[in-house]
Each structure stands twice: as C-alpha cells, then as structure tokens.
C-alpha atoms as a PDB file:
ATOM      1  CA  MET A   1    -153.689 314.459 223.337  1.00  0.00           C
ATOM      2  CA  ALA A   2    -150.084 315.262 222.744  1.00  0.00           C
ATOM      3  CA  TRP A   3    -147.943 314.365 225.777  1.00  0.00           C
ATOM      4  CA  TYR A   4    -148.106 311.722 228.528  1.00  0.00           C
ATOM      5  CA  ARG A   5    -146.124 310.422 231.483  1.00  0.00           C
ATOM      6  CA  ASN A   6    -146.729 306.677 231.364  1.00  0.00           C
ATOM      7  CA  HIS A   7    -146.233 304.462 234.418  1.00  0.00           C
ATOM      8  CA  TYR A   8    -145.087 300.881 233.895  1.00  0.00           C
ATOM      9  CA  LYS A   9    -144.532 297.752 235.981  1.00  0.00           C
ATOM     10  CA  CYS A  10    -142.582 294.888 234.489  1.00  0.00           C
ATOM     11  CA  ALA A  11    -144.455 291.582 234.388  1.00  0.00           C
ATOM     12  CA  ARG A  12    -141.139 289.698 234.632  1.00  0.00           C
ATOM     13  CA  CYS A  13    -139.125 291.468 237.378  1.00  0.00           C
ATOM     14  CA  ASP A  14    -141.699 293.865 238.980  1.00  0.00           C
ATOM     15  CA  TYR A  15    -139.483 296.895 238.265  1.00  0.00           C
ATOM     16  CA  GLU A  16    -141.501 300.133 238.018  1.00  0.00           C
ATOM     17  CA  TRP A  17    -140.574 303.154 235.900  1.00  0.00           C
ATOM     18  CA  PRO A  18    -142.086 306.249 234.291  1.00  0.00           C
ATOM     19  CA  ASP A  19    -141.513 307.335 230.712  1.00  0.00           C
ATOM     20  CA  GLU A  20    -142.801 310.358 228.818  1.00  0.00           C
ATOM     21  CA  TRP A  21    -144.014 310.070 225.256  1.00  0.00           C
ATOM     22  CA  SER A  22    -146.547 311.460 222.801  1.00  0.00           C
ATOM     23  CA  CYS A  23    -148.875 308.471 223.244  1.00  0.00           C
ATOM     24  CA  MET A  24    -149.770 305.777 225.757  1.00  0.00           C
ATOM     25  CA  CYS A  25    -147.504 303.178 224.173  1.00  0.00           C
ATOM     26  CA  ASP A  26    -145.819 299.971 225.297  1.00  0.00           C
ATOM     27  CA  ASP A  27    -142.230 300.160 226.555  1.00  0.00           C
ATOM     28  CA  ASP A  28    -139.397 297.746 227.274  1.00  0.00           C
ATOM     29  CA  CYS A  29    -138.242 297.232 230.855  1.00  0.00           C
ATOM     30  CA  PRO A  30    -134.989 299.123 231.482  1.00  0.00           C
ATOM     31  CA  GLN A  31    -134.129 296.689 234.305  1.00  0.00           C
ATOM     32  CA  CYS A  32    -134.424 293.246 232.675  1.00  0.00           C
ATOM     33  CA  GLY A  33    -135.235 294.015 229.027  1.00  0.00           C
ATOM     34  CA  ALA A  34    -138.682 292.376 228.969  1.00  0.00           C
ATOM     35  CA  ARG A  35    -140.534 293.735 225.954  1.00  0.00           C
ATOM     36  CA  HIS A  36    -143.922 295.296 225.311  1.00  0.00           C
ATOM     37  CA  MET A  37    -144.997 296.338 228.810  1.00  0.00           C
ATOM     38  CA  SER A  38    -148.210 298.373 228.667  1.00  0.00           C
ATOM     39  CA  PRO A  39    -148.647 301.374 230.980  1.00  0.00           C
ATOM     40  CA  TYR A  40    -150.899 300.729 233.973  1.00  0.00           C
ATOM     41  CA  GLU A  41    -151.511 304.480 234.312  1.00  0.00           C
ATOM     42  CA  SER A  42    -150.835 307.616 232.281  1.00  0.00           C
ATOM     43  CA  ASP A  43    -150.778 311.287 233.281  1.00  0.00           C
ATOM     44  CA  ASP A  44    -151.913 313.739 230.614  1.00  0.00           C
ATOM     45  CA  LEU A  45    -149.193 316.398 230.419  1.00  0.00           C
ATOM     46  CA  THR A  46    -150.434 318.080 227.257  1.00  0.00           C
ATOM     47  CA  GLU A  47    -151.175 321.251 229.233  1.00  0.00           C
ATOM     48  CA  VAL A  48    -149.178 322.124 232.330  1.00  0.00           C
ATOM     49  CA  ILE A  49    -148.694 325.073 234.656  1.00  0.00           C
ATOM     50  CA  SER A  50    -145.101 325.925 235.488  1.00  0.00           C
ATOM     51  CA  GLU A  51    -144.045 328.424 238.151  1.00  0.00           C
ATOM     52  CA  GLU A  52    -141.317 330.686 236.778  1.00  0.00           C
ATOM     53  CA  ASP A  53    -139.986 333.788 238.502  1.00  0.00           C
ATOM     54  CA  GLY A  54    -143.115 334.241 240.613  1.00  0.00           C
ATOM     55  CA  GLU A  55    -145.528 333.852 237.681  1.00  0.00           C
ATOM     56  CA  PHE A  56    -147.585 330.855 236.624  1.00  0.00           C
ATOM     57  CA  VAL A  57    -146.978 330.009 232.983  1.00  0.00           C
ATOM     58  CA  VAL A  58    -149.456 327.862 231.037  1.00  0.00           C
ATOM     59  CA  LEU A  59    -147.718 325.580 228.547  1.00  0.00           C
ATOM     60  CA  ARG A  60    -149.122 323.263 225.861  1.00  0.00           C
ATOM     61  CA  SER A  61    -147.518 320.457 223.913  1.00  0.00           C
ATOM     62  CA  PRO A  62    -148.620 320.485 220.261  1.00  0.00           C
ATOM     63  CA  GLU A  63    -150.258 317.577 218.431  1.00  0.00           C
ATOM     64  CA  THR A  64    -147.049 317.304 216.409  1.00  0.00           C
ATOM     65  CA  ALA A  65    -144.914 316.437 219.471  1.00  0.00           C
ATOM     66  CA  GLY A  66    -142.930 313.257 218.921  1.00  0.00           C
ATOM     67  CA  HIS A  67    -139.734 312.620 220.857  1.00  0.00           C
ATOM     68  CA  TYR A  68    -140.055 315.763 223.011  1.00  0.00           C
ATOM     69  CA  ALA A  69    -142.976 317.687 224.478  1.00  0.00           C
ATOM     70  CA  ASP A  70    -142.015 320.872 222.562  1.00  0.00           C
ATOM     71  CA  TYR A  71    -144.073 323.014 224.939  1.00  0.00           C
ATOM     72  CA  TYR A  72    -145.078 326.503 223.888  1.00  0.00           C
ATOM     73  CA  GLU A  73    -146.443 329.252 226.129  1.00  0.00           C
ATOM     74  CA  LEU A  74    -150.153 330.076 226.110  1.00  0.00           C
ATOM     75  CA  GLY A  75    -149.975 332.799 228.767  1.00  0.00           C
ATOM     76  CA  SER A  76    -148.620 333.804 232.151  1.00  0.00           C
ATOM     77  CA  PHE A  77    -150.590 334.735 235.237  1.00  0.00           C
ATOM     78  CA  ALA A  78    -149.998 336.203 238.683  1.00  0.00           C
ATOM     79  CA  THR A  79    -151.655 333.280 240.504  1.00  0.00           C
ATOM     80  CA  ARG A  80    -152.095 329.547 239.977  1.00  0.00           C
ATOM     81  CA  ALA A  81    -155.873 330.049 240.293  1.00  0.00           C
ATOM     82  CA  GLU A  82    -155.829 332.451 237.322  1.00  0.00           C
ATOM     83  CA  ALA A  83    -153.765 329.984 235.281  1.00  0.00           C
ATOM     84  CA  GLU A  84    -156.147 327.133 236.143  1.00  0.00           C
ATOM     85  CA  ALA A  85    -159.168 329.275 235.241  1.00  0.00           C
ATOM     86  CA  PHE A  86    -157.561 330.064 231.895  1.00  0.00           C
ATOM     87  CA  LEU A  87    -156.969 326.365 231.196  1.00  0.00           C
ATOM     88  CA  ALA A  88    -160.559 325.552 232.093  1.00  0.00           C
ATOM     89  CA  THR A  89    -161.750 327.833 229.304  1.00  0.00           C
ATOM     90  CA  ALA A  90    -158.969 327.166 226.739  1.00  0.00           C
END
C-alpha cells in the first residue's frame, strides 16, 4: 500500500501523535525526542473519497509516493455510495 496515517504513543512521556507516511514506520516523539516509536495503529489512506463541489472524488496514492501522498483522481461520482461501489471493484 502507498499511504498511511500512523498513530503513535511515546513510551517515555505518553504523548500521542499522528503522522502520515508511505509506510508503517517508526517515528521520533515530537514532544520529548524519544526515538524509534512504532505505530500502535495505522489507517490505510491509499484510496480515499473526497467531497468536492457536491461530487465525491475517488483519489489514489501511487506506489511511488514518498514524502507526500501525490494523490491522483480515479473518478468522480454524484453520491458517496457510487464512489464506494467503484472502489469496491477497482
């Protein structure tokens, strides 16, 4: 998969933060600087549905995404249900 929102909790100070990246990788705590915290949960954001101007746009992050999701449009639909049905078959 190409894009994730990782959720972290620092083992040293208990600070919690999200970070988006192209893999489920370790991160350093932005609060205390503790290193190599592993995500306790990750949301797959490779394919998302965005509402724009009354339409539901299906976006995908490519396998080549690195520092940014670099989403590109797969299609736009009149309803969220249509967009979800499209993703189910894509």
